[in-house]
């Protein structure tokens, strides 16, 4: 599925790079593992190759998806339903983040940024906003081959329009 040197994305954790594919003996069983170095937070994960499809790991998106994300962030004409109970809205946003889809992550960032401009976010929504933005910046920086700081400037500029 993945090759050594390939960038990958893990929902709720962010981007990483496949450092190796190795056989390891654990509990008297030899299995093949992907050794993945995660970018932020820095940690190394070992995922059995036969479990990678169900682990949530996926390939990094391409420039077309990144362009679509930029359009989503720029588009402020969205229907935010403020009548939805805050617990339900938090649950919906967490589900979007858990999906691992960059498009859904960008929608969470955009919607919470719009809400924050209208009124302060509560602590739970602020935490989701920060996590979603970190995941978004992490993958966009990898796609665009630029620094986290550069991509953050771009995203902040789009959100401010």
N, C-alpha and C. Protein backbone atom coordinates (compact mmCIF):
# COMPACT_ATOMS: atom_id res chain seq x y z
N UNK A 1 0.82 -1.19 0.00
CA UNK A 1 0.00 0.00 0.00
C UNK A 1 0.87 1.26 0.00
N UNK A 2 1.71 1.42 1.02
CA UNK A 2 2.60 2.56 1.09
C UNK A 2 4.03 2.11 0.80
N UNK A 3 4.85 3.06 0.37
CA UNK A 3 6.25 2.78 0.10
C UNK A 3 7.11 3.57 1.08
N UNK A 4 8.31 3.09 1.29
CA UNK A 4 9.27 3.80 2.14
C UNK A 4 9.51 5.18 1.53
N UNK A 5 9.47 6.20 2.39
CA UNK A 5 9.68 7.58 1.94
C UNK A 5 8.40 8.31 1.61
N UNK A 6 7.28 7.60 1.60
CA UNK A 6 5.99 8.21 1.24
C UNK A 6 5.41 8.96 2.44
N UNK A 7 4.84 10.13 2.14
CA UNK A 7 4.12 10.89 3.16
C UNK A 7 2.74 10.30 3.33
N UNK A 8 2.29 10.19 4.58
CA UNK A 8 0.97 9.64 4.89
C UNK A 8 0.28 10.56 5.89
N UNK A 9 -1.03 10.36 6.04
CA UNK A 9 -1.81 11.15 6.98
C UNK A 9 -2.59 10.22 7.89
N UNK A 10 -2.59 10.55 9.17
CA UNK A 10 -3.35 9.80 10.17
C UNK A 10 -4.38 10.75 10.79
N UNK A 11 -5.66 10.40 10.72
CA UNK A 11 -6.67 11.26 11.34
C UNK A 11 -6.34 11.51 12.81
N UNK A 12 -6.55 12.74 13.23
CA UNK A 12 -6.35 13.18 14.60
C UNK A 12 -4.87 13.29 14.99
N UNK A 13 -3.95 12.83 14.16
CA UNK A 13 -2.51 12.92 14.46
C UNK A 13 -1.77 13.78 13.47
N UNK A 14 -2.14 13.73 12.19
CA UNK A 14 -1.48 14.53 11.18
C UNK A 14 -0.60 13.72 10.25
N UNK A 15 0.42 14.39 9.71
CA UNK A 15 1.25 13.76 8.69
C UNK A 15 2.44 13.03 9.29
N UNK A 16 2.89 12.08 8.52
CA UNK A 16 4.08 11.32 8.88
C UNK A 16 4.73 10.80 7.62
N UNK A 17 5.85 10.15 7.78
CA UNK A 17 6.55 9.59 6.64
C UNK A 17 6.87 8.13 6.93
N UNK A 18 6.68 7.29 5.93
CA UNK A 18 6.99 5.88 6.09
C UNK A 18 8.51 5.74 6.06
N UNK A 19 9.08 5.39 7.18
CA UNK A 19 10.53 5.27 7.29
C UNK A 19 11.03 3.89 6.88
N UNK A 20 10.22 2.88 7.14
CA UNK A 20 10.67 1.51 6.83
C UNK A 20 9.48 0.57 6.82
N UNK A 21 9.70 -0.57 6.22
CA UNK A 21 8.77 -1.69 6.31
C UNK A 21 9.61 -2.85 6.80
N UNK A 22 9.31 -3.32 8.01
CA UNK A 22 10.17 -4.31 8.65
C UNK A 22 9.37 -5.46 9.21
N UNK A 23 10.03 -6.60 9.30
CA UNK A 23 9.44 -7.73 10.00
C UNK A 23 9.88 -7.66 11.45
N UNK A 24 8.92 -7.83 12.34
CA UNK A 24 9.21 -7.81 13.77
C UNK A 24 8.50 -8.98 14.43
N UNK A 25 9.10 -9.48 15.48
CA UNK A 25 8.51 -10.58 16.24
C UNK A 25 7.89 -10.00 17.51
N UNK A 26 6.58 -10.15 17.61
CA UNK A 26 5.87 -9.69 18.80
C UNK A 26 4.94 -10.79 19.25
N UNK A 27 5.01 -11.11 20.52
CA UNK A 27 4.19 -12.18 21.10
C UNK A 27 4.35 -13.48 20.31
N UNK A 28 5.59 -13.80 20.02
CA UNK A 28 5.96 -15.04 19.31
C UNK A 28 5.34 -15.13 17.91
N UNK A 29 5.02 -13.97 17.33
CA UNK A 29 4.46 -13.96 15.98
C UNK A 29 5.24 -12.96 15.14
N UNK A 30 5.69 -13.40 13.98
CA UNK A 30 6.43 -12.52 13.07
C UNK A 30 5.43 -11.86 12.12
N UNK A 31 5.46 -10.54 12.11
CA UNK A 31 4.59 -9.77 11.23
C UNK A 31 5.39 -8.67 10.55
N UNK A 32 4.87 -8.21 9.45
CA UNK A 32 5.47 -7.09 8.73
C UNK A 32 4.78 -5.80 9.21
N UNK A 33 5.59 -4.76 9.47
CA UNK A 33 5.08 -3.51 10.00
C UNK A 33 5.54 -2.33 9.16
N UNK A 34 4.66 -1.33 9.05
CA UNK A 34 5.05 -0.02 8.55
C UNK A 34 5.60 0.74 9.75
N UNK A 35 6.78 1.31 9.62
CA UNK A 35 7.36 2.17 10.65
C UNK A 35 7.16 3.59 10.15
N UNK A 36 6.34 4.33 10.86
CA UNK A 36 5.94 5.67 10.42
C UNK A 36 6.36 6.70 11.46
N UNK A 37 7.16 7.66 11.03
CA UNK A 37 7.55 8.77 11.90
C UNK A 37 6.56 9.91 11.71
N UNK A 38 5.82 10.20 12.77
CA UNK A 38 4.84 11.27 12.73
C UNK A 38 5.53 12.61 12.95
N UNK A 39 4.99 13.64 12.29
CA UNK A 39 5.61 14.96 12.34
C UNK A 39 5.29 15.68 13.65
N UNK A 40 4.02 15.74 14.01
CA UNK A 40 3.63 16.50 15.19
C UNK A 40 2.47 15.81 15.88
N UNK A 41 2.60 15.31 17.03
CA UNK A 41 3.81 15.32 17.83
C UNK A 41 4.80 14.29 17.31
N UNK A 42 6.06 14.55 17.55
CA UNK A 42 7.09 13.63 17.08
C UNK A 42 6.96 12.30 17.80
N UNK A 43 6.63 11.28 17.04
CA UNK A 43 6.57 9.93 17.58
C UNK A 43 6.67 8.95 16.43
N UNK A 44 7.05 7.73 16.77
CA UNK A 44 7.16 6.68 15.77
C UNK A 44 6.05 5.68 16.03
N UNK A 45 5.33 5.33 14.97
CA UNK A 45 4.24 4.37 15.07
C UNK A 45 4.59 3.13 14.27
N UNK A 46 4.19 1.99 14.79
CA UNK A 46 4.36 0.72 14.07
C UNK A 46 2.96 0.17 13.81
N UNK A 47 2.62 0.04 12.53
CA UNK A 47 1.31 -0.47 12.15
C UNK A 47 1.51 -1.74 11.34
N UNK A 48 0.89 -2.85 11.74
CA UNK A 48 1.00 -4.07 10.93
C UNK A 48 0.50 -3.80 9.51
N UNK A 49 1.23 -4.29 8.52
CA UNK A 49 0.84 -4.04 7.14
C UNK A 49 -0.55 -4.58 6.82
N UNK A 50 -0.95 -5.64 7.51
CA UNK A 50 -2.28 -6.21 7.24
C UNK A 50 -3.40 -5.42 7.93
N UNK A 51 -3.05 -4.43 8.75
CA UNK A 51 -4.04 -3.61 9.46
C UNK A 51 -4.06 -2.17 8.96
N UNK A 52 -3.16 -1.82 8.05
CA UNK A 52 -3.04 -0.42 7.64
C UNK A 52 -4.31 0.08 6.96
N UNK A 53 -5.01 -0.77 6.22
CA UNK A 53 -6.22 -0.34 5.51
C UNK A 53 -7.32 0.08 6.48
N UNK A 54 -7.36 -0.53 7.66
CA UNK A 54 -8.41 -0.19 8.64
C UNK A 54 -7.91 0.76 9.71
N UNK A 55 -6.66 1.20 9.62
CA UNK A 55 -6.06 2.05 10.65
C UNK A 55 -6.43 3.53 10.50
N UNK A 56 -6.94 3.90 9.34
CA UNK A 56 -7.24 5.31 9.08
C UNK A 56 -6.13 6.03 8.33
N UNK A 57 -4.95 5.44 8.27
CA UNK A 57 -3.87 6.07 7.51
C UNK A 57 -4.25 6.14 6.04
N UNK A 58 -3.86 7.22 5.41
CA UNK A 58 -4.12 7.39 3.98
C UNK A 58 -2.98 8.17 3.35
N UNK A 59 -2.95 8.14 2.03
CA UNK A 59 -1.95 8.93 1.31
C UNK A 59 -2.29 10.41 1.46
N UNK A 60 -1.27 11.24 1.35
CA UNK A 60 -1.47 12.69 1.39
C UNK A 60 -2.25 13.10 0.15
N UNK A 61 -3.12 14.10 0.31
CA UNK A 61 -3.89 14.61 -0.82
C UNK A 61 -2.98 15.31 -1.83
N UNK A 62 -3.54 15.63 -2.98
CA UNK A 62 -2.76 16.28 -4.03
C UNK A 62 -3.11 17.77 -4.12
N UNK A 63 -2.48 18.45 -5.06
CA UNK A 63 -2.68 19.89 -5.25
C UNK A 63 -4.13 20.25 -5.56
N UNK A 64 -4.84 19.39 -6.29
CA UNK A 64 -6.25 19.67 -6.62
C UNK A 64 -7.08 19.78 -5.35
N UNK A 65 -6.88 18.88 -4.42
CA UNK A 65 -7.62 18.92 -3.15
C UNK A 65 -7.18 20.15 -2.35
N UNK A 66 -5.90 20.47 -2.37
CA UNK A 66 -5.41 21.65 -1.66
C UNK A 66 -6.06 22.92 -2.22
N UNK A 67 -6.22 22.99 -3.54
CA UNK A 67 -6.88 24.14 -4.15
C UNK A 67 -8.35 24.22 -3.73
N UNK A 68 -9.01 23.07 -3.65
CA UNK A 68 -10.40 23.02 -3.21
C UNK A 68 -10.51 23.49 -1.76
N UNK A 69 -9.55 23.09 -0.94
CA UNK A 69 -9.52 23.52 0.46
C UNK A 69 -9.38 25.03 0.55
N UNK A 70 -8.51 25.60 -0.27
CA UNK A 70 -8.32 27.05 -0.26
C UNK A 70 -9.63 27.76 -0.62
N UNK A 71 -10.36 27.22 -1.58
CA UNK A 71 -11.66 27.79 -1.96
C UNK A 71 -12.66 27.71 -0.82
N UNK A 72 -12.67 26.59 -0.12
CA UNK A 72 -13.58 26.42 1.02
C UNK A 72 -13.26 27.46 2.09
N UNK A 73 -11.99 27.64 2.39
CA UNK A 73 -11.59 28.59 3.43
C UNK A 73 -11.95 30.03 3.05
N UNK A 74 -11.89 30.30 1.78
CA UNK A 74 -12.17 31.65 1.29
C UNK A 74 -13.67 31.95 1.23
N UNK A 75 -14.48 30.92 1.03
CA UNK A 75 -15.93 31.08 0.88
C UNK A 75 -16.59 31.26 2.23
N UNK A 76 -17.06 32.44 2.50
CA UNK A 76 -17.70 32.73 3.79
C UNK A 76 -19.21 32.58 3.71
N UNK A 77 -19.74 32.30 2.53
CA UNK A 77 -21.19 32.13 2.37
C UNK A 77 -21.56 30.68 2.65
N UNK A 78 -21.64 30.38 3.92
CA UNK A 78 -21.97 29.03 4.35
C UNK A 78 -23.13 29.11 5.34
N UNK A 79 -23.88 28.07 5.41
CA UNK A 79 -25.03 28.03 6.31
C UNK A 79 -24.64 27.39 7.63
N UNK A 80 -24.32 28.22 8.59
CA UNK A 80 -24.03 27.72 9.93
C UNK A 80 -25.34 27.79 10.71
N UNK A 81 -25.77 26.66 11.20
CA UNK A 81 -27.03 26.59 11.94
C UNK A 81 -26.75 26.82 13.43
N UNK A 82 -26.98 28.05 13.86
CA UNK A 82 -26.72 28.40 15.26
C UNK A 82 -27.78 27.84 16.20
N UNK A 83 -28.87 27.34 15.65
CA UNK A 83 -29.91 26.76 16.50
C UNK A 83 -29.55 25.35 16.98
N UNK A 84 -28.54 24.75 16.34
CA UNK A 84 -28.10 23.42 16.75
C UNK A 84 -27.47 23.51 18.13
N UNK A 85 -27.85 22.60 18.99
CA UNK A 85 -27.30 22.53 20.34
C UNK A 85 -25.78 22.44 20.26
N UNK A 86 -25.10 23.14 21.16
CA UNK A 86 -23.64 23.19 21.12
C UNK A 86 -23.02 21.80 21.24
N UNK A 87 -23.61 20.92 22.04
CA UNK A 87 -23.08 19.56 22.17
C UNK A 87 -23.18 18.82 20.85
N UNK A 88 -24.28 19.03 20.14
CA UNK A 88 -24.45 18.38 18.83
C UNK A 88 -23.45 18.94 17.82
N UNK A 89 -23.24 20.26 17.86
CA UNK A 89 -22.29 20.89 16.93
C UNK A 89 -20.87 20.38 17.19
N UNK A 90 -20.51 20.24 18.48
CA UNK A 90 -19.19 19.72 18.84
C UNK A 90 -19.05 18.29 18.32
N UNK A 91 -20.09 17.49 18.51
CA UNK A 91 -20.06 16.10 18.04
C UNK A 91 -19.90 16.04 16.52
N UNK A 92 -20.63 16.88 15.81
CA UNK A 92 -20.52 16.91 14.34
C UNK A 92 -19.11 17.29 13.90
N UNK A 93 -18.54 18.28 14.56
CA UNK A 93 -17.19 18.71 14.19
C UNK A 93 -16.15 17.63 14.52
N UNK A 94 -16.31 16.96 15.64
CA UNK A 94 -15.39 15.88 15.98
C UNK A 94 -15.50 14.73 14.98
N UNK A 95 -16.71 14.43 14.54
CA UNK A 95 -16.89 13.38 13.54
C UNK A 95 -16.21 13.75 12.22
N UNK A 96 -16.31 15.01 11.84
CA UNK A 96 -15.64 15.46 10.62
C UNK A 96 -14.13 15.30 10.74
N UNK A 97 -13.58 15.67 11.89
CA UNK A 97 -12.14 15.53 12.10
C UNK A 97 -11.73 14.08 12.11
N UNK A 98 -12.52 13.24 12.74
CA UNK A 98 -12.21 11.81 12.85
C UNK A 98 -12.22 11.12 11.48
N UNK A 99 -12.98 11.70 10.54
CA UNK A 99 -13.04 11.10 9.20
C UNK A 99 -11.68 11.11 8.52
N UNK A 100 -10.83 12.07 8.89
CA UNK A 100 -9.51 12.18 8.29
C UNK A 100 -9.52 12.84 6.92
N UNK A 101 -10.68 13.34 6.49
CA UNK A 101 -10.78 13.97 5.17
C UNK A 101 -10.39 15.45 5.27
N UNK A 102 -9.49 15.87 4.43
CA UNK A 102 -9.00 17.24 4.46
C UNK A 102 -10.11 18.24 4.16
N UNK A 103 -11.01 17.89 3.26
CA UNK A 103 -12.12 18.78 2.92
C UNK A 103 -12.98 19.04 4.16
N UNK A 104 -13.31 17.98 4.89
CA UNK A 104 -14.15 18.14 6.08
C UNK A 104 -13.41 18.92 7.17
N UNK A 105 -12.13 18.70 7.28
CA UNK A 105 -11.32 19.44 8.25
C UNK A 105 -11.34 20.94 7.91
N UNK A 106 -11.24 21.26 6.63
CA UNK A 106 -11.25 22.66 6.21
C UNK A 106 -12.60 23.31 6.49
N UNK A 107 -13.68 22.54 6.37
CA UNK A 107 -15.01 23.07 6.69
C UNK A 107 -15.12 23.39 8.17
N UNK A 108 -14.56 22.53 9.02
CA UNK A 108 -14.57 22.78 10.46
C UNK A 108 -13.79 24.07 10.77
N UNK A 109 -12.62 24.21 10.18
CA UNK A 109 -11.79 25.40 10.41
C UNK A 109 -12.54 26.65 9.95
N UNK A 110 -13.08 26.61 8.75
CA UNK A 110 -13.80 27.78 8.22
C UNK A 110 -15.00 28.14 9.10
N UNK A 111 -15.83 27.16 9.42
CA UNK A 111 -17.04 27.43 10.18
C UNK A 111 -16.73 27.96 11.58
N UNK A 112 -15.75 27.37 12.24
CA UNK A 112 -15.40 27.84 13.58
C UNK A 112 -14.72 29.22 13.53
N UNK A 113 -13.98 29.50 12.47
CA UNK A 113 -13.38 30.84 12.31
C UNK A 113 -14.47 31.88 12.13
N UNK A 114 -15.48 31.56 11.33
CA UNK A 114 -16.61 32.48 11.13
C UNK A 114 -17.33 32.71 12.46
N UNK A 115 -17.59 31.64 13.18
CA UNK A 115 -18.27 31.76 14.47
C UNK A 115 -17.45 32.58 15.45
N UNK A 116 -16.13 32.37 15.44
CA UNK A 116 -15.26 33.10 16.37
C UNK A 116 -15.27 34.60 16.07
N UNK A 117 -15.44 34.96 14.81
CA UNK A 117 -15.51 36.38 14.45
C UNK A 117 -16.80 37.03 14.95
N UNK A 118 -17.82 36.22 15.14
CA UNK A 118 -19.11 36.74 15.59
C UNK A 118 -19.24 36.75 17.11
N UNK A 119 -18.66 35.76 17.76
CA UNK A 119 -18.70 35.68 19.22
C UNK A 119 -17.59 34.73 19.67
N UNK A 120 -17.12 34.88 20.89
CA UNK A 120 -16.06 33.99 21.35
C UNK A 120 -16.52 32.53 21.38
N UNK A 121 -15.63 31.62 21.00
CA UNK A 121 -15.93 30.19 21.07
C UNK A 121 -15.79 29.73 22.51
N UNK A 122 -16.57 28.71 22.88
CA UNK A 122 -16.38 28.15 24.21
C UNK A 122 -15.10 27.30 24.17
N UNK A 123 -14.68 26.82 25.32
CA UNK A 123 -13.40 26.09 25.41
C UNK A 123 -13.37 24.85 24.53
N UNK A 124 -14.46 24.09 24.49
CA UNK A 124 -14.49 22.86 23.68
C UNK A 124 -14.36 23.18 22.20
N UNK A 125 -15.10 24.18 21.75
CA UNK A 125 -15.01 24.55 20.33
C UNK A 125 -13.65 25.14 20.00
N UNK A 126 -13.08 25.90 20.92
CA UNK A 126 -11.74 26.46 20.69
C UNK A 126 -10.71 25.35 20.55
N UNK A 127 -10.82 24.31 21.38
CA UNK A 127 -9.88 23.17 21.29
C UNK A 127 -10.05 22.46 19.94
N UNK A 128 -11.29 22.25 19.51
CA UNK A 128 -11.54 21.61 18.21
C UNK A 128 -10.98 22.48 17.09
N UNK A 129 -11.20 23.79 17.19
CA UNK A 129 -10.69 24.72 16.18
C UNK A 129 -9.17 24.63 16.08
N UNK A 130 -8.50 24.65 17.22
CA UNK A 130 -7.04 24.58 17.23
C UNK A 130 -6.55 23.25 16.66
N UNK A 131 -7.20 22.15 17.02
CA UNK A 131 -6.79 20.85 16.52
C UNK A 131 -7.04 20.74 15.01
N UNK A 132 -8.20 21.20 14.57
CA UNK A 132 -8.53 21.15 13.14
C UNK A 132 -7.55 22.00 12.33
N UNK A 133 -7.24 23.16 12.84
CA UNK A 133 -6.32 24.05 12.13
C UNK A 133 -4.92 23.43 12.06
N UNK A 134 -4.49 22.80 13.16
CA UNK A 134 -3.17 22.15 13.17
C UNK A 134 -3.12 21.04 12.12
N UNK A 135 -4.16 20.21 12.06
CA UNK A 135 -4.20 19.13 11.08
C UNK A 135 -4.23 19.67 9.66
N UNK A 136 -5.01 20.72 9.46
CA UNK A 136 -5.11 21.35 8.14
C UNK A 136 -3.77 21.92 7.70
N UNK A 137 -3.13 22.67 8.58
CA UNK A 137 -1.84 23.28 8.25
C UNK A 137 -0.78 22.22 7.99
N UNK A 138 -0.81 21.17 8.79
CA UNK A 138 0.16 20.09 8.66
C UNK A 138 0.10 19.46 7.27
N UNK A 139 -1.11 19.10 6.84
CA UNK A 139 -1.22 18.45 5.53
C UNK A 139 -0.98 19.43 4.38
N UNK A 140 -1.51 20.65 4.50
CA UNK A 140 -1.29 21.63 3.43
C UNK A 140 0.19 21.95 3.25
N UNK A 141 0.93 22.07 4.35
CA UNK A 141 2.36 22.34 4.26
C UNK A 141 3.07 21.20 3.53
N UNK A 142 2.65 19.97 3.80
CA UNK A 142 3.25 18.81 3.13
C UNK A 142 2.91 18.80 1.65
N UNK A 143 1.65 19.08 1.32
CA UNK A 143 1.21 19.10 -0.08
C UNK A 143 1.95 20.18 -0.86
N UNK A 144 2.01 21.37 -0.28
CA UNK A 144 2.58 22.54 -0.98
C UNK A 144 4.10 22.62 -0.87
N UNK A 145 4.71 21.76 -0.05
CA UNK A 145 6.16 21.77 0.16
C UNK A 145 6.64 23.13 0.66
N UNK A 146 5.91 23.66 1.65
CA UNK A 146 6.30 24.92 2.28
C UNK A 146 6.27 24.72 3.79
N UNK A 147 6.78 25.70 4.51
CA UNK A 147 6.85 25.59 5.97
C UNK A 147 5.48 25.76 6.60
N UNK A 148 5.35 25.29 7.82
CA UNK A 148 4.11 25.45 8.56
C UNK A 148 3.76 26.93 8.72
N UNK A 149 4.77 27.77 8.92
CA UNK A 149 4.56 29.20 9.10
C UNK A 149 4.01 29.83 7.82
N UNK A 150 4.56 29.44 6.68
CA UNK A 150 4.10 29.99 5.40
C UNK A 150 2.65 29.60 5.13
N UNK A 151 2.33 28.34 5.35
CA UNK A 151 0.97 27.89 5.08
C UNK A 151 0.00 28.53 6.08
N UNK A 152 0.44 28.76 7.31
CA UNK A 152 -0.43 29.41 8.29
C UNK A 152 -0.75 30.84 7.86
N UNK A 153 0.22 31.54 7.31
CA UNK A 153 -0.03 32.90 6.81
C UNK A 153 -1.07 32.87 5.69
N UNK A 154 -0.95 31.92 4.78
CA UNK A 154 -1.90 31.79 3.68
C UNK A 154 -3.30 31.49 4.21
N UNK A 155 -3.41 30.52 5.11
CA UNK A 155 -4.71 30.14 5.66
C UNK A 155 -5.33 31.31 6.45
N UNK A 156 -4.54 31.98 7.27
CA UNK A 156 -5.06 33.11 8.04
C UNK A 156 -5.54 34.22 7.12
N UNK A 157 -4.83 34.45 6.04
CA UNK A 157 -5.23 35.47 5.07
C UNK A 157 -6.57 35.10 4.42
N UNK A 158 -6.73 33.81 4.05
CA UNK A 158 -7.99 33.36 3.45
C UNK A 158 -9.14 33.44 4.44
N UNK A 159 -8.89 33.10 5.68
CA UNK A 159 -9.95 33.16 6.70
C UNK A 159 -10.34 34.59 7.03
N UNK A 160 -9.42 35.53 6.85
CA UNK A 160 -9.68 36.94 7.19
C UNK A 160 -10.45 37.68 6.09
N UNK A 161 -10.46 37.14 4.89
CA UNK A 161 -11.14 37.82 3.76
C UNK A 161 -12.62 37.97 4.01
